[in-house]
N, C-alpha and C. Protein backbone atom coordinates (compact mmCIF):
# COMPACT_ATOMS: atom_id res chain seq x y z
N MET A 1 13.46 -15.46 -2.85
CA MET A 1 13.85 -15.68 -4.22
C MET A 1 12.63 -15.68 -5.14
N ILE A 2 11.56 -16.35 -4.73
CA ILE A 2 10.34 -16.38 -5.54
C ILE A 2 9.81 -14.96 -5.73
N TYR A 3 9.87 -14.16 -4.65
CA TYR A 3 9.41 -12.75 -4.74
C TYR A 3 10.21 -12.01 -5.81
N ASN A 4 11.53 -12.16 -5.81
CA ASN A 4 12.37 -11.46 -6.78
C ASN A 4 12.10 -11.91 -8.21
N ILE A 5 11.87 -13.19 -8.39
CA ILE A 5 11.56 -13.71 -9.73
C ILE A 5 10.23 -13.14 -10.21
N CYS A 6 9.22 -13.19 -9.36
CA CYS A 6 7.89 -12.66 -9.73
C CYS A 6 7.97 -11.16 -10.01
N ARG A 7 8.69 -10.44 -9.19
CA ARG A 7 8.84 -8.99 -9.39
C ARG A 7 9.52 -8.71 -10.72
N GLY A 8 10.57 -9.46 -11.06
CA GLY A 8 11.27 -9.28 -12.33
C GLY A 8 10.35 -9.53 -13.52
N LEU A 9 9.57 -10.60 -13.44
CA LEU A 9 8.61 -10.90 -14.52
C LEU A 9 7.56 -9.80 -14.65
N LEU A 10 7.05 -9.34 -13.51
CA LEU A 10 6.04 -8.27 -13.54
C LEU A 10 6.60 -6.98 -14.11
N ARG A 11 7.84 -6.67 -13.82
CA ARG A 11 8.44 -5.45 -14.39
C ARG A 11 8.41 -5.50 -15.91
N ILE A 12 8.73 -6.65 -16.48
CA ILE A 12 8.72 -6.81 -17.94
C ILE A 12 7.29 -6.72 -18.47
N ILE A 13 6.38 -7.45 -17.84
CA ILE A 13 4.97 -7.45 -18.28
C ILE A 13 4.38 -6.04 -18.21
N TYR A 14 4.61 -5.34 -17.11
CA TYR A 14 4.06 -4.00 -16.94
C TYR A 14 4.66 -3.03 -17.96
N ALA A 15 5.97 -3.15 -18.22
CA ALA A 15 6.62 -2.24 -19.17
C ALA A 15 6.04 -2.43 -20.57
N VAL A 16 5.82 -3.68 -20.96
CA VAL A 16 5.30 -3.97 -22.30
C VAL A 16 3.80 -3.70 -22.40
N CYS A 17 3.04 -4.23 -21.46
CA CYS A 17 1.57 -4.16 -21.56
C CYS A 17 0.98 -2.81 -21.18
N PHE A 18 1.57 -2.13 -20.20
CA PHE A 18 0.96 -0.90 -19.70
C PHE A 18 1.85 0.33 -19.88
N ARG A 19 3.00 0.15 -20.55
CA ARG A 19 3.96 1.26 -20.70
C ARG A 19 4.15 1.96 -19.34
N PHE A 20 4.40 1.16 -18.36
CA PHE A 20 4.39 1.55 -16.95
C PHE A 20 5.59 2.41 -16.57
N GLU A 21 5.31 3.53 -15.89
CA GLU A 21 6.36 4.42 -15.40
C GLU A 21 6.17 4.65 -13.91
N ALA A 22 7.29 4.82 -13.21
CA ALA A 22 7.24 5.12 -11.77
C ALA A 22 8.10 6.34 -11.49
N THR A 23 7.58 7.22 -10.63
CA THR A 23 8.35 8.40 -10.22
C THR A 23 8.31 8.50 -8.69
N GLY A 24 9.32 9.16 -8.14
CA GLY A 24 9.35 9.40 -6.70
C GLY A 24 9.90 8.26 -5.88
N MET A 25 10.53 7.28 -6.51
CA MET A 25 11.05 6.13 -5.75
C MET A 25 12.12 6.56 -4.75
N GLU A 26 12.75 7.71 -5.02
CA GLU A 26 13.78 8.21 -4.10
C GLU A 26 13.17 8.64 -2.76
N ASN A 27 11.84 8.78 -2.70
CA ASN A 27 11.17 9.17 -1.45
C ASN A 27 11.03 8.02 -0.46
N ILE A 28 11.30 6.81 -0.92
CA ILE A 28 11.14 5.63 -0.06
C ILE A 28 12.48 5.31 0.62
N PRO A 29 12.50 5.32 1.95
CA PRO A 29 13.75 5.01 2.66
C PRO A 29 14.29 3.64 2.28
N ALA A 30 15.62 3.54 2.24
CA ALA A 30 16.28 2.28 1.88
C ALA A 30 16.13 1.22 2.96
N ASP A 31 15.87 1.65 4.20
CA ASP A 31 15.65 0.69 5.27
C ASP A 31 14.72 1.30 6.32
N GLY A 32 14.30 0.49 7.25
CA GLY A 32 13.38 0.93 8.29
C GLY A 32 11.92 0.74 7.87
N PRO A 33 11.01 0.89 8.83
CA PRO A 33 9.59 0.63 8.56
C PRO A 33 8.97 1.71 7.67
N VAL A 34 8.21 1.25 6.68
CA VAL A 34 7.54 2.15 5.73
C VAL A 34 6.13 1.64 5.48
N VAL A 35 5.16 2.56 5.49
CA VAL A 35 3.80 2.24 5.08
C VAL A 35 3.52 2.99 3.80
N LEU A 36 3.26 2.25 2.73
CA LEU A 36 2.88 2.82 1.45
C LEU A 36 1.36 2.87 1.40
N CYS A 37 0.78 4.08 1.38
CA CYS A 37 -0.67 4.24 1.37
C CYS A 37 -1.11 4.66 -0.03
N SER A 38 -1.86 3.80 -0.71
CA SER A 38 -2.21 4.04 -2.10
C SER A 38 -3.71 4.06 -2.34
N ASN A 39 -4.09 4.76 -3.42
CA ASN A 39 -5.46 4.63 -3.90
C ASN A 39 -5.64 3.21 -4.43
N HIS A 40 -6.89 2.79 -4.61
CA HIS A 40 -7.16 1.38 -4.95
C HIS A 40 -8.19 1.34 -6.08
N ILE A 41 -7.70 1.05 -7.30
CA ILE A 41 -8.59 1.07 -8.46
C ILE A 41 -8.80 -0.30 -9.09
N SER A 42 -7.95 -1.29 -8.75
CA SER A 42 -8.02 -2.58 -9.42
C SER A 42 -7.41 -3.69 -8.56
N LEU A 43 -7.72 -4.91 -8.93
CA LEU A 43 -7.09 -6.08 -8.28
C LEU A 43 -5.59 -6.12 -8.55
N PHE A 44 -5.15 -5.43 -9.61
CA PHE A 44 -3.73 -5.40 -9.96
C PHE A 44 -2.91 -4.47 -9.07
N ASP A 45 -3.56 -3.67 -8.23
CA ASP A 45 -2.84 -2.65 -7.46
C ASP A 45 -1.75 -3.17 -6.54
N PRO A 46 -1.94 -4.26 -5.80
CA PRO A 46 -0.84 -4.70 -4.93
C PRO A 46 0.47 -4.96 -5.68
N PRO A 47 0.45 -5.73 -6.78
CA PRO A 47 1.73 -5.87 -7.48
C PRO A 47 2.21 -4.56 -8.11
N THR A 48 1.29 -3.70 -8.51
CA THR A 48 1.67 -2.42 -9.11
C THR A 48 2.46 -1.58 -8.12
N VAL A 49 2.01 -1.52 -6.87
CA VAL A 49 2.68 -0.70 -5.85
C VAL A 49 4.10 -1.19 -5.59
N GLY A 50 4.33 -2.49 -5.63
CA GLY A 50 5.64 -3.02 -5.28
C GLY A 50 6.57 -3.38 -6.43
N THR A 51 6.06 -3.43 -7.65
CA THR A 51 6.85 -3.92 -8.78
C THR A 51 8.15 -3.18 -9.02
N LYS A 52 8.15 -1.88 -8.93
CA LYS A 52 9.34 -1.09 -9.25
C LYS A 52 10.30 -0.90 -8.07
N LEU A 53 9.90 -1.34 -6.89
CA LEU A 53 10.71 -1.08 -5.70
C LEU A 53 11.73 -2.18 -5.45
N ARG A 54 12.83 -1.82 -4.80
CA ARG A 54 13.86 -2.80 -4.44
C ARG A 54 13.47 -3.58 -3.20
N ARG A 55 12.66 -2.97 -2.34
CA ARG A 55 12.29 -3.62 -1.09
C ARG A 55 11.02 -4.45 -1.27
N LYS A 56 10.93 -5.53 -0.52
CA LYS A 56 9.74 -6.39 -0.55
C LYS A 56 8.60 -5.67 0.16
N VAL A 57 7.41 -5.72 -0.45
CA VAL A 57 6.24 -5.07 0.13
C VAL A 57 5.28 -6.14 0.61
N HIS A 58 4.82 -6.01 1.86
CA HIS A 58 3.86 -6.95 2.45
C HIS A 58 2.46 -6.34 2.39
N TYR A 59 1.45 -7.19 2.27
CA TYR A 59 0.06 -6.73 2.18
C TYR A 59 -0.86 -7.58 3.02
N MET A 60 -1.97 -6.98 3.41
CA MET A 60 -3.08 -7.74 3.96
C MET A 60 -3.91 -8.19 2.76
N ALA A 61 -4.39 -9.40 2.81
CA ALA A 61 -5.28 -9.90 1.75
C ALA A 61 -6.45 -10.61 2.41
N LYS A 62 -7.60 -10.54 1.76
CA LYS A 62 -8.77 -11.14 2.39
C LYS A 62 -8.55 -12.62 2.66
N ALA A 63 -9.00 -13.06 3.81
CA ALA A 63 -8.73 -14.41 4.31
C ALA A 63 -9.17 -15.50 3.34
N GLU A 64 -10.23 -15.25 2.60
CA GLU A 64 -10.76 -16.25 1.67
C GLU A 64 -9.72 -16.65 0.61
N LEU A 65 -8.85 -15.73 0.23
CA LEU A 65 -7.85 -16.03 -0.80
C LEU A 65 -6.87 -17.10 -0.33
N PHE A 66 -6.63 -17.19 0.97
CA PHE A 66 -5.68 -18.15 1.50
C PHE A 66 -6.25 -19.56 1.53
N GLU A 67 -7.56 -19.68 1.30
CA GLU A 67 -8.21 -20.99 1.26
C GLU A 67 -8.12 -21.63 -0.12
N VAL A 68 -7.77 -20.84 -1.14
CA VAL A 68 -7.59 -21.37 -2.49
C VAL A 68 -6.22 -22.04 -2.52
N PRO A 69 -6.17 -23.36 -2.76
CA PRO A 69 -4.94 -24.13 -2.56
C PRO A 69 -3.64 -23.51 -3.09
N LEU A 70 -3.46 -23.34 -4.36
CA LEU A 70 -2.19 -22.82 -4.89
C LEU A 70 -2.05 -21.32 -4.67
N LEU A 71 -3.13 -20.60 -4.85
CA LEU A 71 -3.09 -19.14 -4.69
C LEU A 71 -2.71 -18.76 -3.27
N GLY A 72 -3.32 -19.41 -2.29
CA GLY A 72 -3.04 -19.10 -0.89
C GLY A 72 -1.57 -19.26 -0.55
N LYS A 73 -0.98 -20.35 -1.03
CA LYS A 73 0.44 -20.60 -0.77
C LYS A 73 1.31 -19.55 -1.48
N LEU A 74 0.96 -19.22 -2.71
CA LEU A 74 1.74 -18.25 -3.48
C LEU A 74 1.72 -16.87 -2.84
N ILE A 75 0.52 -16.38 -2.50
CA ILE A 75 0.46 -15.01 -1.96
C ILE A 75 1.12 -14.92 -0.58
N ARG A 76 1.07 -15.99 0.18
CA ARG A 76 1.77 -16.02 1.47
C ARG A 76 3.28 -15.93 1.23
N THR A 77 3.78 -16.68 0.25
CA THR A 77 5.20 -16.65 -0.11
C THR A 77 5.61 -15.25 -0.57
N LEU A 78 4.69 -14.56 -1.24
CA LEU A 78 4.98 -13.22 -1.76
C LEU A 78 4.83 -12.12 -0.71
N GLY A 79 4.47 -12.49 0.52
CA GLY A 79 4.46 -11.51 1.61
C GLY A 79 3.09 -11.08 2.08
N ALA A 80 2.03 -11.72 1.59
CA ALA A 80 0.68 -11.36 2.04
C ALA A 80 0.33 -12.14 3.31
N PHE A 81 -0.57 -11.57 4.09
CA PHE A 81 -1.08 -12.27 5.27
C PHE A 81 -2.58 -11.98 5.36
N PRO A 82 -3.34 -12.90 5.98
CA PRO A 82 -4.81 -12.80 5.94
C PRO A 82 -5.40 -11.73 6.87
N VAL A 83 -6.48 -11.15 6.39
CA VAL A 83 -7.29 -10.23 7.19
C VAL A 83 -8.75 -10.63 6.99
N LYS A 84 -9.49 -10.66 8.10
CA LYS A 84 -10.93 -10.95 8.01
C LYS A 84 -11.64 -9.67 7.64
N ARG A 85 -12.51 -9.75 6.67
CA ARG A 85 -13.23 -8.56 6.23
C ARG A 85 -14.48 -8.35 7.05
N GLY A 86 -14.92 -7.10 7.08
CA GLY A 86 -16.17 -6.78 7.75
C GLY A 86 -16.03 -6.43 9.21
N GLY A 87 -14.84 -6.27 9.69
CA GLY A 87 -14.65 -5.92 11.10
C GLY A 87 -13.18 -5.71 11.38
N VAL A 88 -12.87 -5.48 12.62
CA VAL A 88 -11.48 -5.27 13.01
C VAL A 88 -10.80 -6.62 13.19
N SER A 89 -9.72 -6.82 12.48
CA SER A 89 -8.97 -8.06 12.58
C SER A 89 -7.73 -7.80 13.43
N LYS A 90 -7.84 -8.10 14.72
CA LYS A 90 -6.73 -7.83 15.64
C LYS A 90 -5.47 -8.59 15.24
N ASP A 91 -5.63 -9.82 14.76
CA ASP A 91 -4.46 -10.61 14.34
C ASP A 91 -3.75 -9.94 13.18
N ALA A 92 -4.51 -9.43 12.20
CA ALA A 92 -3.91 -8.77 11.04
C ALA A 92 -3.19 -7.48 11.45
N ILE A 93 -3.80 -6.72 12.35
CA ILE A 93 -3.17 -5.48 12.82
C ILE A 93 -1.90 -5.80 13.59
N ARG A 94 -1.95 -6.81 14.42
CA ARG A 94 -0.76 -7.23 15.19
C ARG A 94 0.36 -7.68 14.23
N THR A 95 0.01 -8.45 13.20
CA THR A 95 0.99 -8.90 12.22
C THR A 95 1.61 -7.72 11.49
N ALA A 96 0.77 -6.76 11.08
CA ALA A 96 1.26 -5.58 10.36
C ALA A 96 2.25 -4.78 11.23
N ILE A 97 1.88 -4.55 12.47
CA ILE A 97 2.75 -3.77 13.37
C ILE A 97 4.06 -4.52 13.62
N THR A 98 4.00 -5.82 13.79
CA THR A 98 5.21 -6.63 13.99
C THR A 98 6.13 -6.53 12.77
N LEU A 99 5.55 -6.69 11.57
CA LEU A 99 6.35 -6.59 10.34
C LEU A 99 7.04 -5.23 10.25
N LEU A 100 6.31 -4.18 10.58
CA LEU A 100 6.88 -2.84 10.51
C LEU A 100 7.96 -2.63 11.57
N LYS A 101 7.72 -3.11 12.78
CA LYS A 101 8.73 -2.95 13.84
C LYS A 101 10.00 -3.73 13.52
N GLU A 102 9.87 -4.72 12.63
CA GLU A 102 11.05 -5.47 12.17
C GLU A 102 11.73 -4.76 11.00
N GLY A 103 11.19 -3.59 10.61
CA GLY A 103 11.82 -2.79 9.56
C GLY A 103 11.34 -3.06 8.15
N ASN A 104 10.19 -3.69 8.00
CA ASN A 104 9.68 -4.05 6.68
C ASN A 104 8.81 -2.94 6.07
N VAL A 105 8.36 -3.20 4.85
CA VAL A 105 7.48 -2.28 4.12
C VAL A 105 6.10 -2.91 4.00
N MET A 106 5.07 -2.12 4.31
CA MET A 106 3.68 -2.56 4.17
C MET A 106 3.00 -1.71 3.11
N GLY A 107 2.25 -2.35 2.24
CA GLY A 107 1.39 -1.64 1.30
C GLY A 107 -0.03 -1.70 1.83
N ILE A 108 -0.65 -0.52 1.97
CA ILE A 108 -2.02 -0.47 2.51
C ILE A 108 -2.87 0.42 1.61
N PHE A 109 -4.10 0.00 1.39
CA PHE A 109 -5.07 0.79 0.63
C PHE A 109 -6.08 1.33 1.64
N PRO A 110 -5.90 2.58 2.07
CA PRO A 110 -6.74 3.12 3.15
C PRO A 110 -8.24 3.10 2.88
N GLU A 111 -8.63 3.07 1.60
CA GLU A 111 -10.06 3.01 1.28
C GLU A 111 -10.66 1.67 1.68
N GLY A 112 -9.81 0.66 1.79
CA GLY A 112 -10.28 -0.66 2.22
C GLY A 112 -10.85 -1.50 1.10
N THR A 113 -11.23 -0.89 0.01
CA THR A 113 -11.80 -1.60 -1.13
C THR A 113 -11.53 -0.79 -2.38
N ARG A 114 -11.74 -1.41 -3.53
CA ARG A 114 -11.49 -0.69 -4.78
C ARG A 114 -12.51 0.43 -4.95
N SER A 115 -12.03 1.53 -5.54
CA SER A 115 -12.88 2.70 -5.73
C SER A 115 -12.51 3.38 -7.03
N ALA A 116 -13.50 3.75 -7.82
CA ALA A 116 -13.25 4.45 -9.08
C ALA A 116 -13.15 5.96 -8.84
N GLY A 117 -13.78 6.43 -7.80
CA GLY A 117 -13.81 7.87 -7.55
C GLY A 117 -12.62 8.34 -6.75
N ASP A 118 -12.46 9.68 -6.67
CA ASP A 118 -11.33 10.21 -5.91
C ASP A 118 -11.78 10.83 -4.60
N ASN A 119 -13.04 10.62 -4.22
CA ASN A 119 -13.54 11.20 -2.97
C ASN A 119 -13.90 10.14 -1.93
N SER A 120 -13.40 8.94 -2.11
CA SER A 120 -13.70 7.88 -1.16
C SER A 120 -13.08 8.19 0.19
N ALA A 121 -13.82 7.86 1.21
CA ALA A 121 -13.30 8.07 2.57
C ALA A 121 -12.32 6.95 2.91
N GLY A 122 -11.28 7.29 3.62
CA GLY A 122 -10.33 6.28 4.06
C GLY A 122 -10.77 5.69 5.39
N LYS A 123 -10.32 4.48 5.64
CA LYS A 123 -10.56 3.84 6.94
C LYS A 123 -9.36 4.12 7.83
N LYS A 124 -9.55 4.00 9.13
CA LYS A 124 -8.53 4.42 10.09
C LYS A 124 -7.41 3.42 10.32
N GLY A 125 -7.51 2.23 9.75
CA GLY A 125 -6.52 1.18 9.99
C GLY A 125 -5.10 1.57 9.62
N ALA A 126 -4.92 2.18 8.45
CA ALA A 126 -3.58 2.58 8.01
C ALA A 126 -2.97 3.58 8.98
N ALA A 127 -3.79 4.54 9.43
CA ALA A 127 -3.31 5.56 10.38
C ALA A 127 -2.90 4.91 11.69
N MET A 128 -3.71 4.00 12.20
CA MET A 128 -3.42 3.34 13.47
C MET A 128 -2.13 2.52 13.36
N ILE A 129 -1.99 1.78 12.28
CA ILE A 129 -0.80 0.94 12.09
C ILE A 129 0.45 1.82 11.98
N ALA A 130 0.35 2.91 11.23
CA ALA A 130 1.50 3.80 11.06
C ALA A 130 1.91 4.44 12.39
N LEU A 131 0.93 4.92 13.15
CA LEU A 131 1.25 5.58 14.42
C LEU A 131 1.82 4.59 15.44
N ARG A 132 1.23 3.41 15.52
CA ARG A 132 1.70 2.43 16.52
C ARG A 132 3.08 1.86 16.19
N SER A 133 3.40 1.81 14.91
CA SER A 133 4.68 1.22 14.51
C SER A 133 5.79 2.24 14.38
N GLY A 134 5.42 3.53 14.27
CA GLY A 134 6.42 4.57 14.05
C GLY A 134 6.98 4.57 12.64
N ALA A 135 6.25 3.97 11.70
CA ALA A 135 6.71 3.86 10.31
C ALA A 135 6.64 5.19 9.57
N VAL A 136 7.47 5.32 8.55
CA VAL A 136 7.39 6.43 7.62
C VAL A 136 6.19 6.19 6.72
N VAL A 137 5.36 7.21 6.51
CA VAL A 137 4.17 7.06 5.67
C VAL A 137 4.42 7.74 4.33
N ILE A 138 4.33 6.95 3.27
CA ILE A 138 4.53 7.44 1.90
C ILE A 138 3.19 7.36 1.16
N PRO A 139 2.64 8.51 0.69
CA PRO A 139 1.44 8.46 -0.13
C PRO A 139 1.79 7.97 -1.53
N VAL A 140 0.92 7.17 -2.11
CA VAL A 140 1.17 6.59 -3.43
C VAL A 140 -0.07 6.82 -4.29
N ALA A 141 0.16 7.23 -5.55
CA ALA A 141 -0.95 7.45 -6.48
C ALA A 141 -0.77 6.57 -7.71
N ILE A 142 -1.76 5.74 -7.98
CA ILE A 142 -1.79 4.95 -9.21
C ILE A 142 -2.64 5.76 -10.19
N ILE A 143 -2.04 6.10 -11.33
CA ILE A 143 -2.69 7.00 -12.28
C ILE A 143 -2.83 6.30 -13.62
N GLY A 144 -4.05 6.27 -14.12
CA GLY A 144 -4.33 5.61 -15.39
C GLY A 144 -5.20 4.39 -15.18
N ARG A 145 -5.36 3.63 -16.25
CA ARG A 145 -6.17 2.41 -16.19
C ARG A 145 -5.35 1.26 -16.72
N TYR A 146 -5.70 0.09 -16.29
CA TYR A 146 -5.01 -1.10 -16.75
C TYR A 146 -5.56 -1.52 -18.11
N CYS A 147 -5.22 -0.76 -19.13
CA CYS A 147 -5.63 -1.06 -20.51
C CYS A 147 -4.37 -1.37 -21.30
N LEU A 148 -4.41 -2.43 -22.09
CA LEU A 148 -3.23 -2.84 -22.84
C LEU A 148 -2.67 -1.70 -23.68
N PHE A 149 -1.38 -1.52 -23.57
CA PHE A 149 -0.58 -0.58 -24.36
C PHE A 149 -0.93 0.88 -24.11
N ARG A 150 -1.66 1.16 -23.04
CA ARG A 150 -1.91 2.55 -22.65
C ARG A 150 -1.04 2.87 -21.45
N LYS A 151 -0.52 4.07 -21.44
CA LYS A 151 0.43 4.48 -20.40
C LYS A 151 -0.22 4.52 -19.03
N MET A 152 0.52 3.98 -18.06
CA MET A 152 0.12 4.02 -16.65
C MET A 152 1.28 4.55 -15.84
N ARG A 153 0.95 5.23 -14.74
CA ARG A 153 1.99 5.77 -13.88
C ARG A 153 1.71 5.45 -12.42
N ILE A 154 2.78 5.41 -11.67
CA ILE A 154 2.66 5.35 -10.22
C ILE A 154 3.60 6.41 -9.66
N LYS A 155 3.09 7.16 -8.70
CA LYS A 155 3.88 8.21 -8.06
C LYS A 155 4.01 7.91 -6.58
N TYR A 156 5.25 7.94 -6.10
CA TYR A 156 5.52 7.80 -4.67
C TYR A 156 5.82 9.20 -4.16
N GLY A 157 4.96 9.70 -3.27
CA GLY A 157 5.11 11.07 -2.78
C GLY A 157 6.13 11.18 -1.66
N LYS A 158 6.37 12.40 -1.27
CA LYS A 158 7.27 12.67 -0.14
C LYS A 158 6.60 12.16 1.14
N PRO A 159 7.39 11.74 2.11
CA PRO A 159 6.81 11.24 3.38
C PRO A 159 5.89 12.27 4.02
N ILE A 160 4.82 11.79 4.62
CA ILE A 160 3.89 12.65 5.35
C ILE A 160 4.49 12.91 6.73
N ASP A 161 4.54 14.17 7.11
CA ASP A 161 5.09 14.54 8.42
C ASP A 161 4.09 14.15 9.50
N MET A 162 4.47 13.16 10.29
CA MET A 162 3.58 12.63 11.33
C MET A 162 3.88 13.25 12.70
N THR A 163 4.82 14.18 12.75
CA THR A 163 5.26 14.77 14.03
C THR A 163 4.11 15.27 14.88
N ALA A 164 3.20 16.01 14.26
CA ALA A 164 2.08 16.60 15.01
C ALA A 164 1.14 15.55 15.58
N PHE A 165 1.12 14.37 15.01
CA PHE A 165 0.17 13.34 15.42
C PHE A 165 0.73 12.35 16.43
N ILE A 166 2.05 12.19 16.47
CA ILE A 166 2.66 11.13 17.28
C ILE A 166 2.31 11.23 18.76
N GLN A 167 2.39 12.40 19.34
CA GLN A 167 2.12 12.57 20.77
C GLN A 167 0.67 12.98 21.04
N ASP A 168 -0.13 13.07 19.99
CA ASP A 168 -1.52 13.51 20.11
C ASP A 168 -2.39 12.37 20.64
N SER A 169 -3.04 12.58 21.76
CA SER A 169 -3.89 11.52 22.33
C SER A 169 -5.38 11.87 22.21
N SER A 170 -5.71 12.86 21.40
CA SER A 170 -7.12 13.24 21.26
C SER A 170 -7.89 12.14 20.54
N SER A 171 -9.19 12.11 20.77
CA SER A 171 -10.03 11.03 20.26
C SER A 171 -10.14 11.01 18.73
N ASP A 172 -9.86 12.12 18.08
CA ASP A 172 -10.02 12.15 16.62
C ASP A 172 -8.69 12.10 15.86
N VAL A 173 -7.59 11.73 16.54
CA VAL A 173 -6.29 11.75 15.89
C VAL A 173 -6.22 10.79 14.69
N LEU A 174 -6.80 9.61 14.82
CA LEU A 174 -6.76 8.65 13.70
C LEU A 174 -7.53 9.18 12.49
N GLU A 175 -8.65 9.83 12.78
CA GLU A 175 -9.44 10.43 11.70
C GLU A 175 -8.65 11.53 10.98
N ARG A 176 -7.94 12.36 11.75
CA ARG A 176 -7.17 13.45 11.14
C ARG A 176 -5.98 12.92 10.34
N VAL A 177 -5.33 11.87 10.85
CA VAL A 177 -4.22 11.25 10.10
C VAL A 177 -4.76 10.66 8.80
N THR A 178 -5.89 9.96 8.90
CA THR A 178 -6.51 9.36 7.71
C THR A 178 -6.86 10.43 6.69
N ASP A 179 -7.47 11.52 7.14
CA ASP A 179 -7.82 12.62 6.23
C ASP A 179 -6.58 13.21 5.56
N THR A 180 -5.50 13.33 6.32
CA THR A 180 -4.25 13.87 5.77
C THR A 180 -3.70 12.95 4.69
N ILE A 181 -3.69 11.65 4.97
CA ILE A 181 -3.19 10.66 4.00
C ILE A 181 -4.04 10.70 2.74
N MET A 182 -5.36 10.65 2.90
CA MET A 182 -6.26 10.62 1.74
C MET A 182 -6.16 11.91 0.93
N ALA A 183 -6.00 13.04 1.59
CA ALA A 183 -5.88 14.32 0.88
C ALA A 183 -4.63 14.32 0.01
N ARG A 184 -3.52 13.79 0.54
CA ARG A 184 -2.28 13.73 -0.24
C ARG A 184 -2.42 12.81 -1.43
N ILE A 185 -3.04 11.66 -1.23
CA ILE A 185 -3.23 10.71 -2.35
C ILE A 185 -4.09 11.36 -3.43
N ARG A 186 -5.23 11.97 -3.03
CA ARG A 186 -6.13 12.61 -4.00
C ARG A 186 -5.42 13.72 -4.77
N SER A 187 -4.61 14.50 -4.07
CA SER A 187 -3.87 15.59 -4.70
C SER A 187 -2.89 15.05 -5.74
N MET A 188 -2.22 13.97 -5.42
CA MET A 188 -1.26 13.37 -6.36
C MET A 188 -1.97 12.78 -7.57
N VAL A 189 -3.13 12.16 -7.36
CA VAL A 189 -3.90 11.61 -8.48
C VAL A 189 -4.35 12.75 -9.40
N LYS A 190 -4.83 13.81 -8.80
CA LYS A 190 -5.32 14.96 -9.56
C LYS A 190 -4.21 15.62 -10.38
N GLU A 191 -3.01 15.70 -9.80
CA GLU A 191 -1.87 16.29 -10.51
C GLU A 191 -1.47 15.45 -11.73
N GLY A 192 -1.78 14.16 -11.65
CA GLY A 192 -1.47 13.28 -12.77
C GLY A 192 -0.09 12.89 -12.91
């Protein structure tokens, strides 16, 4: 219920403050596991990715945020779970895969950190989580800047065909999936 209330408030705030538009929402399955892979330009991106969607979106958030008394409780209620930065967090990966196998939606920023450029390399975590969970991968492009009363857009692309990668056991499969995801995101950002 808290998630729905916050999402409703954000929809109003985004519509007024950023003249926010979303396209491609029909590309997101109504049920089953989904990984939304987005570019990352601001701290506002997690709510931006999920605000217009009917389904609840879960995120990894840096562990330090959960130590802030009220904030930690709020973001956990809104579907975030902790990830340790600077290395592989097996607990976070396990949690992500479990959430997806239960049919939920995960929002992931493959770059791992905010980036102003469109040539940032993606990290392999999103690819590994998507392949292990069997989730549908949707590329997402946040276009514009978070400036008051200036138009912003979010585009949800068509699902990435993972067929060629699912049975692939070669050592570079995660790298190739990551490159495919990042190429689609960059292409969508460039198209505007």
